[in-house]
Amino acid sequence: MKKSVFKSPEKRDRMRAYYDGVPGKFPFEQKYVATSFGRTFMLAFGDEAKPPFIARLQ
């Protein structure tokens, strides 16, 4: 059985609702990046010449 990365169904639903609302607000690029945990999907926004900022929902 696969274990969820979310601590609760409510937090999963909150993350999905936030994620679904983001793409319509800003131009973005979908990409995969290599991490120490493996290949990770991300949405990239903004000027790549500026320092990166990583947002995490709680």
Protein backbone atom coordinates (compact mmCIF):
# COMPACT_ATOMS: atom_id res chain seq x y z
CA MET A 1 0.00 0.00 0.00
CA LYS A 2 1.36 3.43 -0.97
CA LYS A 3 1.70 5.89 1.91
CA SER A 4 0.54 9.45 1.26
CA VAL A 5 2.97 12.36 1.54
CA PHE A 6 0.18 14.39 3.15
CA LYS A 7 -0.42 14.34 6.89
CA SER A 8 -4.20 14.39 6.48
CA PRO A 9 -6.88 14.42 3.77
CA GLU A 10 -7.63 18.04 4.70
CA LYS A 11 -4.04 19.13 4.08
CA ARG A 12 -4.02 17.19 0.81
CA ASP A 13 -7.19 18.96 -0.31
CA ARG A 14 -5.79 22.36 0.74
CA MET A 15 -2.62 21.77 -1.28
CA ARG A 16 -4.57 20.65 -4.34
CA ALA A 17 -6.89 23.67 -4.18
CA TYR A 18 -3.91 26.02 -3.91
CA TYR A 19 -2.03 24.23 -6.70
CA ASP A 20 -5.06 24.34 -9.00
CA GLY A 21 -5.40 28.11 -8.51
CA VAL A 22 -1.77 29.08 -9.19
CA PRO A 23 -1.32 28.50 -12.94
CA GLY A 24 -3.99 30.99 -13.97
CA LYS A 25 -2.36 33.86 -12.04
CA PHE A 26 1.17 33.89 -13.48
CA PRO A 27 3.08 32.77 -16.55
CA PHE A 28 4.99 29.62 -15.58
CA GLU A 29 7.01 26.72 -16.86
CA GLN A 30 6.51 23.09 -15.83
CA LYS A 31 9.73 21.16 -15.36
CA TYR A 32 11.40 18.30 -13.55
CA VAL A 33 14.56 18.76 -11.51
CA ALA A 34 16.97 16.21 -10.10
CA THR A 35 17.11 16.14 -6.30
CA SER A 36 18.71 13.85 -3.73
CA PHE A 37 15.23 12.24 -3.43
CA GLY A 38 14.92 11.64 -7.18
CA ARG A 39 13.19 13.44 -10.04
CA THR A 40 10.83 16.15 -8.74
CA PHE A 41 8.12 18.07 -10.59
CA MET A 42 8.01 21.85 -10.16
CA LEU A 43 6.43 25.00 -11.54
CA ALA A 44 8.95 27.74 -12.33
CA PHE A 45 7.90 31.41 -12.28
CA GLY A 46 9.78 34.65 -12.78
CA ASP A 47 13.21 35.72 -13.91
CA GLU A 48 15.77 32.89 -13.91
CA ALA A 49 18.58 35.46 -13.54
CA LYS A 50 17.34 36.25 -10.00
CA PRO A 51 17.92 34.04 -6.94
CA PRO A 52 15.44 31.14 -6.55
CA PHE A 53 12.70 31.14 -3.95
CA ILE A 54 11.09 27.88 -2.87
CA ALA A 55 7.62 28.04 -1.29
CA ARG A 56 6.30 25.32 1.00
CA LEU A 57 2.73 25.05 2.22
CA GLN A 58 2.18 24.08 5.80
